[in-house]
N, C-alpha and C. Protein backbone atom coordinates (compact mmCIF):
# COMPACT_ATOMS: atom_id res chain seq x y z
N MET A 1 -2.12 -47.51 -82.79
CA MET A 1 -2.93 -46.40 -82.30
C MET A 1 -2.12 -45.11 -82.42
N THR A 2 -2.72 -44.12 -83.02
CA THR A 2 -2.03 -42.85 -83.17
C THR A 2 -2.58 -41.86 -82.17
N GLY A 3 -1.70 -41.04 -81.63
CA GLY A 3 -2.12 -40.03 -80.67
C GLY A 3 -2.05 -38.66 -81.30
N ILE A 4 -2.43 -37.69 -80.52
CA ILE A 4 -2.34 -36.31 -80.99
C ILE A 4 -0.89 -35.88 -80.86
N HIS A 5 -0.34 -35.37 -81.93
CA HIS A 5 1.04 -34.88 -81.92
C HIS A 5 0.99 -33.37 -82.01
N LEU A 6 1.30 -32.70 -80.91
CA LEU A 6 1.26 -31.26 -80.89
C LEU A 6 2.58 -30.69 -81.40
N THR A 7 2.45 -29.74 -82.29
CA THR A 7 3.62 -29.01 -82.79
C THR A 7 3.36 -27.54 -82.53
N TRP A 8 4.42 -26.73 -82.61
CA TRP A 8 4.24 -25.28 -82.43
C TRP A 8 3.26 -24.76 -83.47
N ALA A 9 3.41 -25.20 -84.70
CA ALA A 9 2.51 -24.75 -85.77
C ALA A 9 1.08 -25.23 -85.51
N GLY A 10 0.94 -26.46 -85.01
CA GLY A 10 -0.38 -27.00 -84.72
C GLY A 10 -1.09 -26.24 -83.61
N LEU A 11 -0.33 -25.64 -82.70
CA LEU A 11 -0.91 -24.83 -81.63
C LEU A 11 -1.26 -23.41 -82.10
N GLY A 12 -0.81 -23.04 -83.28
CA GLY A 12 -1.02 -21.68 -83.77
C GLY A 12 0.18 -20.80 -83.53
N LEU A 13 1.31 -21.40 -83.17
CA LEU A 13 2.50 -20.64 -82.84
C LEU A 13 3.56 -20.67 -83.95
N ALA A 14 3.12 -20.96 -85.16
CA ALA A 14 4.05 -20.89 -86.29
C ALA A 14 4.39 -19.42 -86.53
N ALA A 15 5.39 -19.19 -87.33
CA ALA A 15 5.70 -17.82 -87.69
C ALA A 15 4.47 -17.21 -88.36
N PRO A 16 4.11 -15.99 -88.01
CA PRO A 16 2.93 -15.36 -88.60
C PRO A 16 3.05 -15.26 -90.12
N VAL A 17 1.90 -15.19 -90.78
CA VAL A 17 1.89 -14.99 -92.23
C VAL A 17 2.75 -13.76 -92.53
N THR A 18 2.46 -12.68 -91.85
CA THR A 18 3.30 -11.48 -91.87
C THR A 18 3.19 -10.84 -90.50
N VAL A 19 4.18 -10.08 -90.14
CA VAL A 19 4.13 -9.35 -88.88
C VAL A 19 2.98 -8.35 -88.91
N LEU A 20 2.73 -7.76 -90.07
CA LEU A 20 1.63 -6.81 -90.21
C LEU A 20 0.29 -7.47 -89.94
N HIS A 21 0.10 -8.69 -90.43
CA HIS A 21 -1.13 -9.46 -90.20
C HIS A 21 -1.36 -9.61 -88.70
N THR A 22 -0.36 -10.06 -87.99
CA THR A 22 -0.46 -10.26 -86.54
C THR A 22 -0.67 -8.93 -85.83
N ALA A 23 0.07 -7.91 -86.22
CA ALA A 23 -0.04 -6.60 -85.57
C ALA A 23 -1.43 -6.00 -85.76
N MET A 24 -1.98 -6.09 -86.96
CA MET A 24 -3.31 -5.53 -87.21
C MET A 24 -4.39 -6.25 -86.40
N PHE A 25 -4.35 -7.57 -86.37
CA PHE A 25 -5.31 -8.31 -85.56
C PHE A 25 -5.13 -7.97 -84.08
N THR A 26 -3.90 -7.88 -83.62
CA THR A 26 -3.62 -7.57 -82.22
C THR A 26 -4.18 -6.21 -81.84
N ILE A 27 -3.88 -5.20 -82.61
CA ILE A 27 -4.33 -3.84 -82.29
C ILE A 27 -5.85 -3.75 -82.34
N PHE A 28 -6.45 -4.26 -83.41
CA PHE A 28 -7.91 -4.18 -83.55
C PHE A 28 -8.61 -4.90 -82.41
N TRP A 29 -8.19 -6.13 -82.12
CA TRP A 29 -8.88 -6.92 -81.11
C TRP A 29 -8.60 -6.44 -79.68
N THR A 30 -7.44 -5.84 -79.44
CA THR A 30 -7.22 -5.22 -78.13
C THR A 30 -8.25 -4.11 -77.93
N GLY A 31 -8.51 -3.34 -78.97
CA GLY A 31 -9.55 -2.31 -78.91
C GLY A 31 -10.93 -2.89 -78.70
N VAL A 32 -11.26 -3.97 -79.42
CA VAL A 32 -12.56 -4.63 -79.27
C VAL A 32 -12.75 -5.12 -77.83
N LEU A 33 -11.73 -5.78 -77.29
CA LEU A 33 -11.81 -6.31 -75.93
C LEU A 33 -11.99 -5.18 -74.91
N THR A 34 -11.22 -4.12 -75.07
CA THR A 34 -11.30 -2.99 -74.15
C THR A 34 -12.68 -2.32 -74.25
N ALA A 35 -13.19 -2.16 -75.46
CA ALA A 35 -14.50 -1.54 -75.65
C ALA A 35 -15.62 -2.43 -75.12
N TYR A 36 -15.45 -3.74 -75.19
CA TYR A 36 -16.50 -4.67 -74.74
C TYR A 36 -16.54 -4.82 -73.22
N THR A 37 -15.48 -4.49 -72.53
CA THR A 37 -15.39 -4.73 -71.09
C THR A 37 -16.59 -4.18 -70.30
N PRO A 38 -17.04 -2.94 -70.52
CA PRO A 38 -18.21 -2.47 -69.76
C PRO A 38 -19.45 -3.34 -69.98
N THR A 39 -19.62 -3.84 -71.20
CA THR A 39 -20.75 -4.75 -71.48
C THR A 39 -20.57 -6.06 -70.74
N ALA A 40 -19.35 -6.60 -70.75
CA ALA A 40 -19.08 -7.85 -70.02
C ALA A 40 -19.37 -7.67 -68.53
N GLU A 41 -18.98 -6.53 -67.98
CA GLU A 41 -19.24 -6.27 -66.56
C GLU A 41 -20.73 -6.12 -66.30
N TRP A 42 -21.44 -5.45 -67.20
CA TRP A 42 -22.89 -5.28 -67.06
C TRP A 42 -23.60 -6.64 -67.07
N VAL A 43 -23.23 -7.50 -68.03
CA VAL A 43 -23.83 -8.84 -68.11
C VAL A 43 -23.53 -9.62 -66.83
N ALA A 44 -22.28 -9.57 -66.38
CA ALA A 44 -21.90 -10.29 -65.15
C ALA A 44 -22.66 -9.75 -63.94
N ASP A 45 -22.85 -8.43 -63.88
CA ASP A 45 -23.61 -7.83 -62.77
C ASP A 45 -25.07 -8.29 -62.80
N LYS A 46 -25.64 -8.43 -63.99
CA LYS A 46 -27.03 -8.90 -64.11
C LYS A 46 -27.16 -10.37 -63.70
N LEU A 47 -26.16 -11.17 -64.03
CA LEU A 47 -26.19 -12.59 -63.70
C LEU A 47 -25.85 -12.85 -62.24
N PHE A 48 -24.93 -12.05 -61.70
CA PHE A 48 -24.43 -12.28 -60.34
C PHE A 48 -24.38 -10.96 -59.58
N ALA A 49 -25.56 -10.36 -59.38
CA ALA A 49 -25.65 -9.02 -58.79
C ALA A 49 -25.05 -8.96 -57.39
N ALA A 50 -25.12 -10.05 -56.62
CA ALA A 50 -24.64 -10.01 -55.24
C ALA A 50 -23.13 -10.17 -55.14
N SER A 51 -22.49 -10.52 -56.25
CA SER A 51 -21.06 -10.77 -56.23
C SER A 51 -20.30 -9.46 -56.23
N PRO A 52 -19.42 -9.24 -55.24
CA PRO A 52 -18.67 -7.98 -55.22
C PRO A 52 -17.61 -7.93 -56.31
N LYS A 53 -17.31 -6.72 -56.74
CA LYS A 53 -16.26 -6.54 -57.74
C LYS A 53 -14.92 -6.69 -57.05
N PRO A 54 -13.98 -7.39 -57.68
CA PRO A 54 -12.67 -7.53 -57.06
C PRO A 54 -11.97 -6.17 -57.02
N GLY A 55 -11.20 -5.94 -55.98
CA GLY A 55 -10.55 -4.66 -55.82
C GLY A 55 -9.05 -4.78 -55.71
N ARG A 56 -8.41 -5.30 -56.73
CA ARG A 56 -6.95 -5.40 -56.72
C ARG A 56 -6.37 -4.07 -57.17
N HIS A 57 -5.62 -3.46 -56.29
CA HIS A 57 -4.97 -2.20 -56.62
C HIS A 57 -3.50 -2.33 -56.24
N PRO A 58 -2.63 -2.54 -57.23
CA PRO A 58 -1.21 -2.62 -56.89
C PRO A 58 -0.78 -1.36 -56.15
N GLU A 59 -0.10 -1.56 -55.02
CA GLU A 59 0.24 -0.43 -54.15
C GLU A 59 1.53 0.26 -54.56
N SER A 60 2.28 -0.31 -55.48
CA SER A 60 3.53 0.31 -55.90
C SER A 60 3.78 -0.03 -57.37
N MET A 61 4.70 0.70 -57.95
CA MET A 61 5.08 0.42 -59.33
C MET A 61 5.67 -0.99 -59.44
N ARG A 62 6.39 -1.42 -58.43
CA ARG A 62 6.98 -2.77 -58.43
C ARG A 62 5.86 -3.81 -58.46
N ASN A 63 4.84 -3.63 -57.63
CA ASN A 63 3.73 -4.59 -57.62
C ASN A 63 2.96 -4.57 -58.94
N LEU A 64 2.82 -3.39 -59.52
CA LEU A 64 2.16 -3.29 -60.81
C LEU A 64 2.97 -4.03 -61.87
N ALA A 65 4.28 -3.82 -61.88
CA ALA A 65 5.15 -4.50 -62.85
C ALA A 65 5.08 -6.02 -62.67
N LEU A 66 5.05 -6.48 -61.43
CA LEU A 66 4.93 -7.92 -61.17
C LEU A 66 3.58 -8.46 -61.63
N ALA A 67 2.51 -7.69 -61.40
CA ALA A 67 1.17 -8.11 -61.84
C ALA A 67 1.11 -8.20 -63.36
N ILE A 68 1.73 -7.24 -64.04
CA ILE A 68 1.74 -7.25 -65.51
C ILE A 68 2.56 -8.44 -66.02
N ALA A 69 3.71 -8.69 -65.40
CA ALA A 69 4.53 -9.84 -65.83
C ALA A 69 3.78 -11.15 -65.63
N ARG A 70 3.08 -11.29 -64.51
CA ARG A 70 2.28 -12.48 -64.24
C ARG A 70 1.16 -12.61 -65.27
N ALA A 71 0.52 -11.49 -65.59
CA ALA A 71 -0.57 -11.52 -66.57
C ALA A 71 -0.07 -11.98 -67.94
N TRP A 72 1.10 -11.51 -68.35
CA TRP A 72 1.65 -11.93 -69.64
C TRP A 72 2.03 -13.40 -69.63
N ALA A 73 2.67 -13.85 -68.56
CA ALA A 73 3.16 -15.23 -68.51
C ALA A 73 2.02 -16.23 -68.33
N LEU A 74 1.16 -15.99 -67.36
CA LEU A 74 0.13 -16.97 -67.03
C LEU A 74 -1.16 -16.77 -67.82
N ASP A 75 -1.62 -15.54 -67.89
CA ASP A 75 -2.90 -15.29 -68.55
C ASP A 75 -2.74 -15.28 -70.08
N ALA A 76 -1.90 -14.40 -70.56
CA ALA A 76 -1.78 -14.26 -72.01
C ALA A 76 -1.15 -15.49 -72.65
N PHE A 77 -0.01 -15.90 -72.16
CA PHE A 77 0.71 -16.98 -72.82
C PHE A 77 0.14 -18.36 -72.47
N LEU A 78 0.11 -18.70 -71.21
CA LEU A 78 -0.31 -20.05 -70.81
C LEU A 78 -1.79 -20.33 -71.11
N GLN A 79 -2.67 -19.40 -70.71
CA GLN A 79 -4.09 -19.61 -70.98
C GLN A 79 -4.37 -19.74 -72.46
N GLU A 80 -3.72 -18.92 -73.27
CA GLU A 80 -4.00 -18.98 -74.70
C GLU A 80 -3.46 -20.25 -75.35
N ILE A 81 -2.32 -20.72 -74.89
CA ILE A 81 -1.82 -21.99 -75.42
C ILE A 81 -2.80 -23.11 -75.07
N VAL A 82 -3.27 -23.12 -73.83
CA VAL A 82 -4.18 -24.19 -73.41
C VAL A 82 -5.55 -24.04 -74.06
N LEU A 83 -6.20 -22.88 -73.88
CA LEU A 83 -7.59 -22.73 -74.32
C LEU A 83 -7.75 -22.59 -75.82
N ARG A 84 -6.92 -21.79 -76.46
CA ARG A 84 -7.05 -21.65 -77.91
C ARG A 84 -6.18 -22.66 -78.64
N GLY A 85 -4.90 -22.73 -78.30
CA GLY A 85 -4.00 -23.61 -79.02
C GLY A 85 -4.37 -25.08 -78.91
N ILE A 86 -4.56 -25.54 -77.69
CA ILE A 86 -4.84 -26.97 -77.49
C ILE A 86 -6.34 -27.27 -77.63
N VAL A 87 -7.18 -26.61 -76.82
CA VAL A 87 -8.62 -26.95 -76.82
C VAL A 87 -9.26 -26.63 -78.16
N VAL A 88 -9.20 -25.37 -78.58
CA VAL A 88 -9.84 -25.02 -79.86
C VAL A 88 -9.12 -25.71 -81.01
N GLY A 89 -7.78 -25.72 -80.97
CA GLY A 89 -7.02 -26.35 -82.04
C GLY A 89 -7.38 -27.81 -82.25
N ALA A 90 -7.56 -28.56 -81.16
CA ALA A 90 -7.88 -29.98 -81.27
C ALA A 90 -9.36 -30.21 -81.58
N LEU A 91 -10.24 -29.46 -80.93
CA LEU A 91 -11.68 -29.71 -81.08
C LEU A 91 -12.28 -29.18 -82.38
N ARG A 92 -11.69 -28.14 -82.94
CA ARG A 92 -12.29 -27.54 -84.14
C ARG A 92 -12.37 -28.53 -85.29
N LEU A 93 -11.43 -29.45 -85.36
CA LEU A 93 -11.46 -30.44 -86.44
C LEU A 93 -12.55 -31.48 -86.21
N ALA A 94 -12.85 -31.75 -84.94
CA ALA A 94 -13.85 -32.76 -84.62
C ALA A 94 -15.27 -32.20 -84.55
N ILE A 95 -15.43 -30.98 -83.96
CA ILE A 95 -16.78 -30.46 -83.75
C ILE A 95 -17.04 -29.12 -84.42
N GLY A 96 -16.04 -28.54 -85.03
CA GLY A 96 -16.21 -27.25 -85.71
C GLY A 96 -15.65 -26.10 -84.89
N ASN A 97 -15.40 -24.99 -85.56
CA ASN A 97 -14.79 -23.83 -84.91
C ASN A 97 -15.61 -23.29 -83.75
N TRP A 98 -16.89 -23.01 -83.98
CA TRP A 98 -17.68 -22.30 -82.97
C TRP A 98 -18.01 -23.17 -81.76
N PRO A 99 -18.33 -24.45 -81.92
CA PRO A 99 -18.48 -25.29 -80.72
C PRO A 99 -17.17 -25.41 -79.95
N ALA A 100 -16.03 -25.42 -80.65
CA ALA A 100 -14.74 -25.48 -79.97
C ALA A 100 -14.49 -24.20 -79.19
N VAL A 101 -14.83 -23.04 -79.76
CA VAL A 101 -14.69 -21.75 -79.07
C VAL A 101 -15.59 -21.74 -77.84
N ALA A 102 -16.82 -22.23 -77.96
CA ALA A 102 -17.75 -22.27 -76.83
C ALA A 102 -17.23 -23.21 -75.73
N THR A 103 -16.63 -24.31 -76.11
CA THR A 103 -16.07 -25.24 -75.12
C THR A 103 -14.92 -24.57 -74.36
N ALA A 104 -14.06 -23.87 -75.07
CA ALA A 104 -12.95 -23.16 -74.42
C ALA A 104 -13.48 -22.09 -73.48
N ALA A 105 -14.54 -21.39 -73.87
CA ALA A 105 -15.13 -20.36 -73.01
C ALA A 105 -15.73 -20.98 -71.75
N THR A 106 -16.33 -22.15 -71.90
CA THR A 106 -16.88 -22.85 -70.73
C THR A 106 -15.76 -23.26 -69.78
N LEU A 107 -14.66 -23.73 -70.33
CA LEU A 107 -13.51 -24.08 -69.49
C LEU A 107 -12.91 -22.84 -68.82
N ALA A 108 -12.90 -21.71 -69.53
CA ALA A 108 -12.42 -20.46 -68.93
C ALA A 108 -13.32 -20.05 -67.77
N PHE A 109 -14.63 -20.20 -67.95
CA PHE A 109 -15.58 -19.90 -66.87
C PHE A 109 -15.26 -20.75 -65.65
N ALA A 110 -15.12 -22.04 -65.86
CA ALA A 110 -14.84 -22.97 -64.74
C ALA A 110 -13.51 -22.64 -64.06
N ALA A 111 -12.49 -22.34 -64.86
CA ALA A 111 -11.17 -22.05 -64.29
C ALA A 111 -11.17 -20.76 -63.48
N HIS A 112 -12.02 -19.80 -63.85
CA HIS A 112 -12.04 -18.52 -63.16
C HIS A 112 -13.04 -18.47 -62.00
N LEU A 113 -13.75 -19.55 -61.75
CA LEU A 113 -14.70 -19.57 -60.63
C LEU A 113 -14.01 -19.34 -59.29
N VAL A 114 -12.73 -19.65 -59.20
CA VAL A 114 -11.98 -19.41 -57.96
C VAL A 114 -12.00 -17.92 -57.61
N ALA A 115 -12.13 -17.04 -58.61
CA ALA A 115 -12.20 -15.59 -58.39
C ALA A 115 -13.63 -15.13 -58.19
N GLY A 116 -14.58 -16.04 -58.20
CA GLY A 116 -15.99 -15.71 -58.01
C GLY A 116 -16.76 -15.81 -59.31
N PRO A 117 -18.08 -16.00 -59.21
CA PRO A 117 -18.89 -16.20 -60.42
C PRO A 117 -18.94 -14.96 -61.33
N ARG A 118 -18.91 -13.77 -60.75
CA ARG A 118 -18.92 -12.56 -61.57
C ARG A 118 -17.68 -12.50 -62.45
N ARG A 119 -16.52 -12.71 -61.84
CA ARG A 119 -15.25 -12.69 -62.59
C ARG A 119 -15.23 -13.81 -63.63
N ALA A 120 -15.78 -14.97 -63.28
CA ALA A 120 -15.83 -16.10 -64.21
C ALA A 120 -16.71 -15.76 -65.41
N ALA A 121 -17.81 -15.06 -65.17
CA ALA A 121 -18.71 -14.68 -66.27
C ALA A 121 -18.02 -13.70 -67.22
N ILE A 122 -17.25 -12.77 -66.67
CA ILE A 122 -16.50 -11.84 -67.50
C ILE A 122 -15.45 -12.60 -68.31
N ALA A 123 -14.72 -13.49 -67.65
CA ALA A 123 -13.68 -14.27 -68.32
C ALA A 123 -14.26 -15.11 -69.46
N ALA A 124 -15.44 -15.69 -69.25
CA ALA A 124 -16.06 -16.51 -70.30
C ALA A 124 -16.42 -15.66 -71.52
N GLN A 125 -16.95 -14.46 -71.27
CA GLN A 125 -17.31 -13.58 -72.39
C GLN A 125 -16.07 -13.17 -73.18
N LEU A 126 -15.02 -12.79 -72.45
CA LEU A 126 -13.78 -12.40 -73.13
C LEU A 126 -13.16 -13.60 -73.84
N SER A 127 -13.32 -14.78 -73.27
CA SER A 127 -12.80 -16.00 -73.89
C SER A 127 -13.45 -16.24 -75.26
N VAL A 128 -14.74 -15.94 -75.36
CA VAL A 128 -15.41 -16.06 -76.65
C VAL A 128 -14.75 -15.10 -77.66
N LEU A 129 -14.47 -13.87 -77.21
CA LEU A 129 -13.82 -12.91 -78.11
C LEU A 129 -12.42 -13.36 -78.51
N TYR A 130 -11.67 -13.93 -77.56
CA TYR A 130 -10.34 -14.46 -77.90
C TYR A 130 -10.48 -15.60 -78.92
N GLY A 131 -11.51 -16.41 -78.76
CA GLY A 131 -11.75 -17.50 -79.71
C GLY A 131 -12.11 -16.99 -81.10
N VAL A 132 -12.94 -15.95 -81.15
CA VAL A 132 -13.29 -15.34 -82.44
C VAL A 132 -12.03 -14.78 -83.10
N LEU A 133 -11.18 -14.13 -82.32
CA LEU A 133 -9.91 -13.62 -82.85
C LEU A 133 -9.07 -14.76 -83.41
N PHE A 134 -8.99 -15.86 -82.67
CA PHE A 134 -8.19 -17.01 -83.11
C PHE A 134 -8.67 -17.52 -84.47
N VAL A 135 -9.98 -17.66 -84.61
CA VAL A 135 -10.55 -18.14 -85.87
C VAL A 135 -10.39 -17.07 -86.96
N ALA A 136 -10.73 -15.82 -86.65
CA ALA A 136 -10.67 -14.75 -87.66
C ALA A 136 -9.25 -14.50 -88.16
N SER A 137 -8.27 -14.71 -87.29
CA SER A 137 -6.87 -14.46 -87.68
C SER A 137 -6.24 -15.67 -88.38
N GLU A 138 -7.08 -16.63 -88.72
CA GLU A 138 -6.63 -17.87 -89.36
C GLU A 138 -5.69 -18.65 -88.44
N PHE A 139 -6.09 -18.68 -87.15
CA PHE A 139 -5.43 -19.48 -86.12
C PHE A 139 -4.01 -18.99 -85.82
N ASP A 140 -3.87 -17.67 -85.79
CA ASP A 140 -2.61 -17.02 -85.43
C ASP A 140 -2.64 -16.81 -83.91
N LEU A 141 -2.08 -17.75 -83.17
CA LEU A 141 -2.12 -17.67 -81.71
C LEU A 141 -1.29 -16.50 -81.19
N TRP A 142 -0.29 -16.07 -81.95
CA TRP A 142 0.50 -14.91 -81.52
C TRP A 142 -0.38 -13.67 -81.40
N ALA A 143 -1.30 -13.48 -82.33
CA ALA A 143 -2.21 -12.33 -82.26
C ALA A 143 -3.07 -12.40 -81.01
N VAL A 144 -3.53 -13.60 -80.65
CA VAL A 144 -4.37 -13.77 -79.47
C VAL A 144 -3.55 -13.53 -78.20
N ILE A 145 -2.36 -14.09 -78.14
CA ILE A 145 -1.49 -13.90 -76.97
C ILE A 145 -1.19 -12.42 -76.78
N LEU A 146 -0.83 -11.74 -77.85
CA LEU A 146 -0.50 -10.32 -77.75
C LEU A 146 -1.72 -9.48 -77.36
N ALA A 147 -2.87 -9.75 -77.98
CA ALA A 147 -4.09 -9.00 -77.63
C ALA A 147 -4.44 -9.23 -76.16
N HIS A 148 -4.34 -10.47 -75.69
CA HIS A 148 -4.65 -10.79 -74.29
C HIS A 148 -3.67 -10.07 -73.36
N GLY A 149 -2.40 -10.10 -73.70
CA GLY A 149 -1.40 -9.44 -72.87
C GLY A 149 -1.60 -7.93 -72.80
N PHE A 150 -1.84 -7.31 -73.95
CA PHE A 150 -2.06 -5.86 -73.96
C PHE A 150 -3.36 -5.50 -73.24
N TYR A 151 -4.41 -6.31 -73.45
CA TYR A 151 -5.67 -6.06 -72.76
C TYR A 151 -5.47 -6.11 -71.24
N ASP A 152 -4.81 -7.16 -70.75
CA ASP A 152 -4.57 -7.27 -69.31
C ASP A 152 -3.70 -6.13 -68.79
N THR A 153 -2.70 -5.73 -69.58
CA THR A 153 -1.85 -4.61 -69.17
C THR A 153 -2.67 -3.33 -69.03
N ILE A 154 -3.51 -3.05 -70.00
CA ILE A 154 -4.38 -1.87 -69.93
C ILE A 154 -5.28 -1.94 -68.70
N ALA A 155 -5.89 -3.11 -68.46
CA ALA A 155 -6.79 -3.27 -67.32
C ALA A 155 -6.04 -3.08 -65.99
N LEU A 156 -4.85 -3.62 -65.88
CA LEU A 156 -4.08 -3.48 -64.64
C LEU A 156 -3.65 -2.04 -64.39
N VAL A 157 -3.24 -1.36 -65.44
CA VAL A 157 -2.85 0.05 -65.29
C VAL A 157 -4.06 0.89 -64.90
N GLN A 158 -5.22 0.61 -65.51
CA GLN A 158 -6.43 1.33 -65.14
C GLN A 158 -6.80 1.08 -63.68
N GLN A 159 -6.69 -0.17 -63.24
CA GLN A 159 -6.98 -0.50 -61.83
C GLN A 159 -6.01 0.22 -60.90
N ALA A 160 -4.76 0.28 -61.26
CA ALA A 160 -3.75 0.91 -60.41
C ALA A 160 -3.98 2.41 -60.31
N ARG A 161 -4.54 3.02 -61.35
CA ARG A 161 -4.78 4.46 -61.34
C ARG A 161 -6.01 4.83 -60.51
N ARG A 162 -6.94 3.86 -60.34
CA ARG A 162 -8.11 4.12 -59.50
C ARG A 162 -7.72 4.10 -58.04
N LYS A 163 -8.38 4.89 -57.27
CA LYS A 163 -8.14 4.88 -55.83
C LYS A 163 -8.83 3.68 -55.24
N PRO A 164 -8.23 3.02 -54.24
CA PRO A 164 -8.89 1.89 -53.58
C PRO A 164 -10.27 2.31 -53.08
N GLY A 165 -11.23 1.43 -53.34
CA GLY A 165 -12.61 1.68 -52.91
C GLY A 165 -13.46 2.37 -53.96
N SER A 166 -12.84 2.89 -55.05
CA SER A 166 -13.62 3.51 -56.11
C SER A 166 -14.05 2.44 -57.10
N PRO A 167 -15.14 2.67 -57.83
CA PRO A 167 -15.62 1.66 -58.78
C PRO A 167 -14.71 1.43 -59.95
């Protein structure tokens, strides 16, 4: 009986085709994710209108730096290895790219339910975009990790600049 043998390359963590390839996908998709965010929030508000928006506002530069470090380690790196590298990487061969991306987005929704259904709906939509990036970049997980990290950094800095209680 043979099992699944995960390798760095099999997860999408091989050396990029070129640094330029990874950089271009990272920059473009960070922009796509940032531009799509208002739509993701609108969809989530329509689906879960009664759900309040989370109001995390780091109170100091130290807290902001810690939030960004956590976002890079847990959200960008760990989530992408699990959802894109393992889930999409393993399932795409069995069920195809797009069903694998949809499965990863469903798992992202379930994992983010702890933050409420509105946040989970936003995470699922962004997860689809991360999956599209993974497929479009020819399974370059570095591009997805970097785009996710930069996206989260931008979002955290924007939240920190807003005054508590503002939308």
